[in-house]
Amino acid sequence: MAKAGNRLSHIANGQIRTDPAASLAERLVEIDRGLAEVIATWRPECGAVEEVFVNANPQSTLKLGQARGVCLLALARAGLPVAEYATRLVKKAVVGTGGAEKAQVQAMLKVLLPGARVAGADAADALAVAIAHAHLMGAPR
């Protein structure tokens, strides 16, 4: 994602897939490797990560938090500044309301990034965070 003036420009998106049969530790290593590859390939100037929200399933929330920690580590290891955004703030920045549903966020991605082929639900979430970051950079949170 790039921002030229007030225009957003889609560069790329994707997902890092891990083997569900692998141990959590192995899956976290794969996420780290994948992010290192993305950072080396695209050379971003900064990173943005969504804050963890509490699921109905505490185990899912813990695993999500661990994966998020790997993301923070990979970005910091690359020397990149990292912004963190609450889910409601991401939704508000993209859709205009913090209570937006996933379908509304995905619909706005099509409006804001016409022609972009989104690689899946996780990629859509990441693009939403990137758009929020582009809109909110430097804005008080």
N, C-alpha and C. Protein backbone atom coordinates (compact mmCIF):
# COMPACT_ATOMS: atom_id res chain seq x y z
N MET A 1 0.85 -1.16 0.00
CA MET A 1 0.00 0.00 0.00
C MET A 1 0.89 1.22 0.00
N ALA A 2 0.61 2.15 -0.88
CA ALA A 2 1.34 3.41 -0.91
C ALA A 2 0.33 4.54 -0.94
N LYS A 3 0.73 5.69 -0.44
CA LYS A 3 -0.15 6.84 -0.44
C LYS A 3 0.58 7.97 -1.14
N ALA A 4 0.04 8.40 -2.28
CA ALA A 4 0.60 9.51 -3.04
C ALA A 4 -0.37 10.67 -2.91
N GLY A 5 0.03 11.69 -2.16
CA GLY A 5 -0.90 12.78 -1.89
C GLY A 5 -2.07 12.24 -1.09
N ASN A 6 -3.27 12.37 -1.62
CA ASN A 6 -4.46 11.84 -0.96
C ASN A 6 -4.96 10.57 -1.61
N ARG A 7 -4.17 9.97 -2.50
CA ARG A 7 -4.59 8.76 -3.20
C ARG A 7 -3.89 7.54 -2.64
N LEU A 8 -4.66 6.48 -2.47
CA LEU A 8 -4.09 5.20 -2.08
C LEU A 8 -3.74 4.43 -3.33
N SER A 9 -2.69 3.66 -3.25
CA SER A 9 -2.28 2.84 -4.39
C SER A 9 -1.95 1.44 -3.88
N HIS A 10 -2.63 0.45 -4.44
CA HIS A 10 -2.39 -0.95 -4.06
C HIS A 10 -1.12 -1.44 -4.72
N ILE A 11 -0.22 -1.99 -3.93
CA ILE A 11 1.03 -2.54 -4.46
C ILE A 11 0.95 -4.06 -4.48
N ALA A 12 0.58 -4.66 -3.38
CA ALA A 12 0.49 -6.13 -3.29
C ALA A 12 -0.26 -6.50 -2.02
N ASN A 13 -0.72 -7.73 -1.97
CA ASN A 13 -1.28 -8.29 -0.74
C ASN A 13 -1.16 -9.80 -0.81
N GLY A 14 -1.26 -10.43 0.31
CA GLY A 14 -1.16 -11.88 0.35
C GLY A 14 -1.37 -12.39 1.76
N GLN A 15 -1.15 -13.67 1.91
CA GLN A 15 -1.31 -14.32 3.21
C GLN A 15 -0.14 -15.26 3.42
N ILE A 16 0.28 -15.38 4.64
CA ILE A 16 1.29 -16.37 5.00
C ILE A 16 0.54 -17.58 5.53
N ARG A 17 0.63 -18.67 4.83
CA ARG A 17 -0.09 -19.88 5.23
C ARG A 17 0.86 -20.81 5.98
N THR A 18 0.34 -21.38 7.06
CA THR A 18 1.13 -22.33 7.84
C THR A 18 0.40 -23.67 7.85
N ASP A 19 1.12 -24.71 8.18
CA ASP A 19 0.56 -26.06 8.24
C ASP A 19 -0.21 -26.22 9.54
N PRO A 20 -1.53 -26.41 9.46
CA PRO A 20 -2.32 -26.55 10.69
C PRO A 20 -1.91 -27.74 11.54
N ALA A 21 -1.24 -28.73 10.93
CA ALA A 21 -0.80 -29.91 11.69
C ALA A 21 0.52 -29.65 12.43
N ALA A 22 1.20 -28.56 12.08
CA ALA A 22 2.48 -28.24 12.72
C ALA A 22 2.24 -27.71 14.12
N SER A 23 3.27 -27.78 14.94
CA SER A 23 3.17 -27.24 16.31
C SER A 23 3.05 -25.72 16.23
N LEU A 24 2.56 -25.13 17.30
CA LEU A 24 2.44 -23.67 17.35
C LEU A 24 3.80 -23.01 17.13
N ALA A 25 4.83 -23.55 17.76
CA ALA A 25 6.17 -22.97 17.61
C ALA A 25 6.61 -23.00 16.14
N GLU A 26 6.37 -24.12 15.47
CA GLU A 26 6.75 -24.22 14.05
C GLU A 26 5.95 -23.24 13.20
N ARG A 27 4.69 -23.06 13.52
CA ARG A 27 3.86 -22.13 12.76
C ARG A 27 4.32 -20.68 12.98
N LEU A 28 4.74 -20.35 14.19
CA LEU A 28 5.23 -19.01 14.47
C LEU A 28 6.53 -18.74 13.72
N VAL A 29 7.39 -19.75 13.63
CA VAL A 29 8.63 -19.62 12.86
C VAL A 29 8.30 -19.37 11.39
N GLU A 30 7.32 -20.06 10.86
CA GLU A 30 6.92 -19.89 9.47
C GLU A 30 6.37 -18.48 9.22
N ILE A 31 5.62 -17.96 10.17
CA ILE A 31 5.13 -16.58 10.05
C ILE A 31 6.31 -15.62 10.03
N ASP A 32 7.27 -15.83 10.91
CA ASP A 32 8.46 -14.97 10.96
C ASP A 32 9.21 -15.02 9.63
N ARG A 33 9.43 -16.22 9.10
CA ARG A 33 10.13 -16.36 7.81
C ARG A 33 9.37 -15.65 6.70
N GLY A 34 8.06 -15.85 6.68
CA GLY A 34 7.25 -15.22 5.65
C GLY A 34 7.29 -13.71 5.71
N LEU A 35 7.21 -13.16 6.91
CA LEU A 35 7.28 -11.70 7.06
C LEU A 35 8.65 -11.17 6.68
N ALA A 36 9.71 -11.88 7.05
CA ALA A 36 11.06 -11.45 6.67
C ALA A 36 11.18 -11.40 5.15
N GLU A 37 10.58 -12.36 4.47
CA GLU A 37 10.61 -12.38 3.00
C GLU A 37 9.82 -11.20 2.42
N VAL A 38 8.67 -10.94 2.98
CA VAL A 38 7.85 -9.80 2.50
C VAL A 38 8.61 -8.49 2.71
N ILE A 39 9.22 -8.34 3.87
CA ILE A 39 9.97 -7.11 4.17
C ILE A 39 11.16 -6.97 3.22
N ALA A 40 11.88 -8.06 2.97
CA ALA A 40 13.03 -8.01 2.06
C ALA A 40 12.59 -7.72 0.63
N THR A 41 11.46 -8.25 0.22
CA THR A 41 10.98 -8.06 -1.15
C THR A 41 10.45 -6.66 -1.39
N TRP A 42 9.61 -6.15 -0.49
CA TRP A 42 8.90 -4.90 -0.73
C TRP A 42 9.52 -3.69 -0.05
N ARG A 43 10.43 -3.89 0.89
CA ARG A 43 11.13 -2.80 1.57
C ARG A 43 10.19 -1.69 2.08
N PRO A 44 9.24 -2.05 2.95
CA PRO A 44 8.33 -1.02 3.47
C PRO A 44 9.06 -0.01 4.34
N GLU A 45 8.45 1.16 4.49
CA GLU A 45 9.01 2.21 5.34
C GLU A 45 8.54 2.08 6.78
N CYS A 46 7.44 1.36 6.98
CA CYS A 46 6.88 1.22 8.31
C CYS A 46 5.95 0.01 8.32
N GLY A 47 5.45 -0.33 9.48
CA GLY A 47 4.49 -1.42 9.61
C GLY A 47 3.33 -1.00 10.48
N ALA A 48 2.22 -1.69 10.34
CA ALA A 48 1.04 -1.43 11.16
C ALA A 48 0.42 -2.77 11.52
N VAL A 49 0.00 -2.90 12.76
CA VAL A 49 -0.54 -4.15 13.27
C VAL A 49 -1.82 -3.85 14.03
N GLU A 50 -2.80 -4.72 13.86
CA GLU A 50 -4.06 -4.57 14.59
C GLU A 50 -3.88 -5.10 16.00
N GLU A 51 -4.46 -4.40 16.96
CA GLU A 51 -4.42 -4.87 18.34
C GLU A 51 -5.27 -6.13 18.48
N VAL A 52 -4.93 -6.96 19.43
CA VAL A 52 -5.68 -8.20 19.66
C VAL A 52 -7.02 -7.86 20.31
N PHE A 53 -8.06 -8.50 19.83
CA PHE A 53 -9.36 -8.39 20.46
C PHE A 53 -9.66 -9.73 21.11
N VAL A 54 -10.48 -9.71 22.13
CA VAL A 54 -10.78 -10.94 22.87
C VAL A 54 -11.89 -11.70 22.17
N ASN A 55 -11.58 -12.93 21.77
CA ASN A 55 -12.56 -13.83 21.15
C ASN A 55 -13.38 -14.53 22.22
N ALA A 56 -14.40 -15.23 21.79
CA ALA A 56 -15.16 -16.09 22.71
C ALA A 56 -14.28 -17.25 23.16
N ASN A 57 -13.32 -17.64 22.32
CA ASN A 57 -12.42 -18.75 22.63
C ASN A 57 -11.08 -18.18 23.12
N PRO A 58 -10.79 -18.32 24.42
CA PRO A 58 -9.54 -17.77 24.96
C PRO A 58 -8.28 -18.35 24.31
N GLN A 59 -8.31 -19.62 23.92
CA GLN A 59 -7.14 -20.22 23.26
C GLN A 59 -6.85 -19.55 21.93
N SER A 60 -7.90 -19.23 21.18
CA SER A 60 -7.73 -18.53 19.90
C SER A 60 -7.14 -17.15 20.12
N THR A 61 -7.60 -16.47 21.16
CA THR A 61 -7.09 -15.14 21.48
C THR A 61 -5.60 -15.20 21.82
N LEU A 62 -5.21 -16.20 22.62
CA LEU A 62 -3.79 -16.35 22.98
C LEU A 62 -2.93 -16.63 21.75
N LYS A 63 -3.39 -17.52 20.88
CA LYS A 63 -2.63 -17.85 19.66
C LYS A 63 -2.52 -16.64 18.75
N LEU A 64 -3.60 -15.88 18.62
CA LEU A 64 -3.57 -14.67 17.82
C LEU A 64 -2.57 -13.68 18.40
N GLY A 65 -2.55 -13.55 19.72
CA GLY A 65 -1.59 -12.66 20.38
C GLY A 65 -0.16 -13.09 20.14
N GLN A 66 0.09 -14.39 20.13
CA GLN A 66 1.45 -14.88 19.87
C GLN A 66 1.86 -14.59 18.42
N ALA A 67 0.94 -14.79 17.48
CA ALA A 67 1.24 -14.50 16.08
C ALA A 67 1.48 -12.99 15.90
N ARG A 68 0.69 -12.19 16.59
CA ARG A 68 0.87 -10.74 16.53
C ARG A 68 2.24 -10.34 17.08
N GLY A 69 2.67 -11.01 18.15
CA GLY A 69 4.00 -10.75 18.71
C GLY A 69 5.10 -11.04 17.71
N VAL A 70 4.95 -12.11 16.95
CA VAL A 70 5.93 -12.44 15.91
C VAL A 70 5.96 -11.33 14.86
N CYS A 71 4.78 -10.81 14.50
CA CYS A 71 4.71 -9.72 13.53
C CYS A 71 5.44 -8.48 14.04
N LEU A 72 5.19 -8.13 15.29
CA LEU A 72 5.87 -6.98 15.89
C LEU A 72 7.37 -7.18 15.91
N LEU A 73 7.79 -8.39 16.28
CA LEU A 73 9.22 -8.69 16.33
C LEU A 73 9.87 -8.58 14.95
N ALA A 74 9.23 -9.16 13.93
CA ALA A 74 9.80 -9.13 12.58
C ALA A 74 9.95 -7.70 12.08
N LEU A 75 8.95 -6.87 12.33
CA LEU A 75 9.02 -5.47 11.90
C LEU A 75 10.09 -4.71 12.67
N ALA A 76 10.14 -4.92 13.98
CA ALA A 76 11.15 -4.24 14.80
C ALA A 76 12.56 -4.71 14.43
N ARG A 77 12.73 -6.00 14.19
CA ARG A 77 14.03 -6.54 13.81
C ARG A 77 14.53 -5.90 12.51
N ALA A 78 13.60 -5.56 11.63
CA ALA A 78 13.96 -4.91 10.36
C ALA A 78 14.18 -3.41 10.53
N GLY A 79 14.02 -2.92 11.76
CA GLY A 79 14.25 -1.50 12.04
C GLY A 79 13.12 -0.60 11.60
N LEU A 80 11.93 -1.16 11.44
CA LEU A 80 10.78 -0.38 10.97
C LEU A 80 9.96 0.16 12.13
N PRO A 81 9.50 1.39 12.02
CA PRO A 81 8.56 1.89 13.03
C PRO A 81 7.24 1.13 12.87
N VAL A 82 6.59 0.86 13.98
CA VAL A 82 5.36 0.07 13.96
C VAL A 82 4.25 0.83 14.67
N ALA A 83 3.11 0.94 14.00
CA ALA A 83 1.91 1.53 14.60
C ALA A 83 0.95 0.40 14.95
N GLU A 84 0.17 0.60 16.00
CA GLU A 84 -0.81 -0.39 16.41
C GLU A 84 -2.17 0.29 16.47
N TYR A 85 -3.19 -0.40 15.94
CA TYR A 85 -4.52 0.18 15.87
C TYR A 85 -5.57 -0.79 16.41
N ALA A 86 -6.52 -0.24 17.17
CA ALA A 86 -7.65 -1.02 17.65
C ALA A 86 -8.55 -1.36 16.47
N THR A 87 -9.20 -2.51 16.54
CA THR A 87 -10.08 -2.97 15.48
C THR A 87 -11.14 -1.93 15.15
N ARG A 88 -11.73 -1.34 16.16
CA ARG A 88 -12.79 -0.33 15.93
C ARG A 88 -12.25 0.88 15.19
N LEU A 89 -11.01 1.27 15.48
CA LEU A 89 -10.40 2.42 14.79
C LEU A 89 -10.13 2.08 13.32
N VAL A 90 -9.69 0.85 13.05
CA VAL A 90 -9.47 0.41 11.67
C VAL A 90 -10.79 0.48 10.90
N LYS A 91 -11.83 -0.08 11.48
CA LYS A 91 -13.14 -0.07 10.81
C LYS A 91 -13.63 1.36 10.58
N LYS A 92 -13.44 2.22 11.56
CA LYS A 92 -13.88 3.61 11.41
C LYS A 92 -13.10 4.31 10.31
N ALA A 93 -11.79 4.06 10.22
CA ALA A 93 -10.97 4.70 9.20
C ALA A 93 -11.33 4.23 7.79
N VAL A 94 -11.75 2.98 7.67
CA VAL A 94 -12.03 2.41 6.35
C VAL A 94 -13.49 2.62 5.95
N VAL A 95 -14.41 2.37 6.89
CA VAL A 95 -15.84 2.38 6.57
C VAL A 95 -16.53 3.66 7.05
N GLY A 96 -16.04 4.23 8.14
CA GLY A 96 -16.68 5.41 8.70
C GLY A 96 -17.38 5.15 10.01
N THR A 97 -17.45 3.87 10.39
CA THR A 97 -18.04 3.51 11.68
C THR A 97 -17.26 2.36 12.29
N GLY A 98 -17.00 2.46 13.59
CA GLY A 98 -16.23 1.43 14.28
C GLY A 98 -16.97 0.13 14.47
N GLY A 99 -18.27 0.14 14.25
CA GLY A 99 -19.06 -1.08 14.41
C GLY A 99 -19.33 -1.79 13.09
N ALA A 100 -18.59 -1.46 12.05
CA ALA A 100 -18.80 -2.06 10.73
C ALA A 100 -18.57 -3.57 10.77
N GLU A 101 -19.31 -4.28 9.95
CA GLU A 101 -19.13 -5.72 9.79
C GLU A 101 -18.00 -5.98 8.79
N LYS A 102 -17.44 -7.21 8.84
CA LYS A 102 -16.36 -7.58 7.91
C LYS A 102 -16.77 -7.37 6.46
N ALA A 103 -18.02 -7.69 6.13
CA ALA A 103 -18.50 -7.54 4.74
C ALA A 103 -18.46 -6.07 4.31
N GLN A 104 -18.76 -5.16 5.23
CA GLN A 104 -18.72 -3.74 4.91
C GLN A 104 -17.28 -3.29 4.66
N VAL A 105 -16.35 -3.78 5.48
CA VAL A 105 -14.94 -3.44 5.30
C VAL A 105 -14.47 -3.95 3.94
N GLN A 106 -14.81 -5.19 3.61
CA GLN A 106 -14.39 -5.75 2.33
C GLN A 106 -15.00 -5.01 1.15
N ALA A 107 -16.23 -4.54 1.29
CA ALA A 107 -16.86 -3.76 0.23
C ALA A 107 -16.13 -2.44 0.03
N MET A 108 -15.72 -1.80 1.13
CA MET A 108 -14.99 -0.53 1.02
C MET A 108 -13.60 -0.74 0.42
N LEU A 109 -12.99 -1.90 0.66
CA LEU A 109 -11.70 -2.18 0.03
C LEU A 109 -11.83 -2.13 -1.48
N LYS A 110 -12.94 -2.65 -2.00
CA LYS A 110 -13.17 -2.63 -3.46
C LYS A 110 -13.33 -1.21 -3.97
N VAL A 111 -13.91 -0.35 -3.16
CA VAL A 111 -14.09 1.05 -3.55
C VAL A 111 -12.76 1.80 -3.48
N LEU A 112 -12.03 1.59 -2.38
CA LEU A 112 -10.77 2.32 -2.16
C LEU A 112 -9.61 1.81 -2.99
N LEU A 113 -9.66 0.51 -3.33
CA LEU A 113 -8.58 -0.11 -4.11
C LEU A 113 -9.17 -0.81 -5.33
N PRO A 114 -9.75 -0.05 -6.26
CA PRO A 114 -10.41 -0.68 -7.41
C PRO A 114 -9.43 -1.53 -8.21
N GLY A 115 -9.88 -2.71 -8.58
CA GLY A 115 -9.05 -3.61 -9.37
C GLY A 115 -8.12 -4.49 -8.56
N ALA A 116 -7.95 -4.21 -7.27
CA ALA A 116 -7.06 -5.04 -6.44
C ALA A 116 -7.71 -6.40 -6.21
N ARG A 117 -6.94 -7.44 -6.41
CA ARG A 117 -7.42 -8.80 -6.12
C ARG A 117 -6.93 -9.17 -4.73
N VAL A 118 -7.86 -9.28 -3.81
CA VAL A 118 -7.52 -9.56 -2.42
C VAL A 118 -7.36 -11.06 -2.24
N ALA A 119 -6.25 -11.48 -1.60
CA ALA A 119 -5.86 -12.88 -1.49
C ALA A 119 -6.67 -13.67 -0.46
N GLY A 120 -7.59 -13.08 0.24
CA GLY A 120 -8.39 -13.79 1.23
C GLY A 120 -8.75 -12.90 2.39
N ALA A 121 -9.47 -13.46 3.34
CA ALA A 121 -9.97 -12.68 4.48
C ALA A 121 -8.84 -12.07 5.31
N ASP A 122 -7.77 -12.81 5.54
CA ASP A 122 -6.65 -12.27 6.32
C ASP A 122 -5.96 -11.13 5.56
N ALA A 123 -5.84 -11.28 4.25
CA ALA A 123 -5.25 -10.21 3.43
C ALA A 123 -6.15 -8.98 3.45
N ALA A 124 -7.47 -9.18 3.43
CA ALA A 124 -8.41 -8.06 3.51
C ALA A 124 -8.23 -7.32 4.83
N ASP A 125 -8.10 -8.07 5.92
CA ASP A 125 -7.88 -7.44 7.23
C ASP A 125 -6.59 -6.63 7.23
N ALA A 126 -5.53 -7.18 6.65
CA ALA A 126 -4.24 -6.49 6.61
C ALA A 126 -4.32 -5.23 5.75
N LEU A 127 -5.02 -5.31 4.62
CA LEU A 127 -5.20 -4.12 3.79
C LEU A 127 -5.98 -3.04 4.53
N ALA A 128 -6.98 -3.45 5.30
CA ALA A 128 -7.75 -2.48 6.08
C ALA A 128 -6.86 -1.78 7.10
N VAL A 129 -5.97 -2.53 7.74
CA VAL A 129 -5.04 -1.93 8.70
C VAL A 129 -4.10 -0.97 7.97
N ALA A 130 -3.63 -1.36 6.79
CA ALA A 130 -2.74 -0.49 6.01
C ALA A 130 -3.44 0.80 5.60
N ILE A 131 -4.70 0.68 5.18
CA ILE A 131 -5.47 1.87 4.80
C ILE A 131 -5.67 2.77 6.01
N ALA A 132 -6.03 2.18 7.14
CA ALA A 132 -6.20 2.97 8.37
C ALA A 132 -4.90 3.69 8.70
N HIS A 133 -3.80 2.99 8.59
CA HIS A 133 -2.51 3.61 8.89
C HIS A 133 -2.22 4.76 7.93
N ALA A 134 -2.50 4.56 6.65
CA ALA A 134 -2.27 5.63 5.67
C ALA A 134 -3.12 6.85 6.00
N HIS A 135 -4.36 6.62 6.45
CA HIS A 135 -5.24 7.75 6.78
C HIS A 135 -4.87 8.41 8.11
N LEU A 136 -4.35 7.61 9.04
CA LEU A 136 -4.15 8.11 10.40
C LEU A 136 -2.70 8.50 10.72
N MET A 137 -1.77 8.24 9.81
CA MET A 137 -0.36 8.57 10.09
C MET A 137 -0.24 10.01 10.56
N GLY A 138 0.35 10.17 11.71
CA GLY A 138 0.55 11.50 12.24
C GLY A 138 -0.66 12.07 12.97
N ALA A 139 -1.82 11.42 12.80
CA ALA A 139 -3.02 11.91 13.49
C ALA A 139 -3.00 11.42 14.93
N PRO A 140 -3.42 12.24 15.88
CA PRO A 140 -3.46 11.77 17.26
C PRO A 140 -4.47 10.62 17.40
N ARG A 141 -4.10 9.63 18.22
CA ARG A 141 -4.99 8.47 18.42
C ARG A 141 -5.49 8.43 19.82
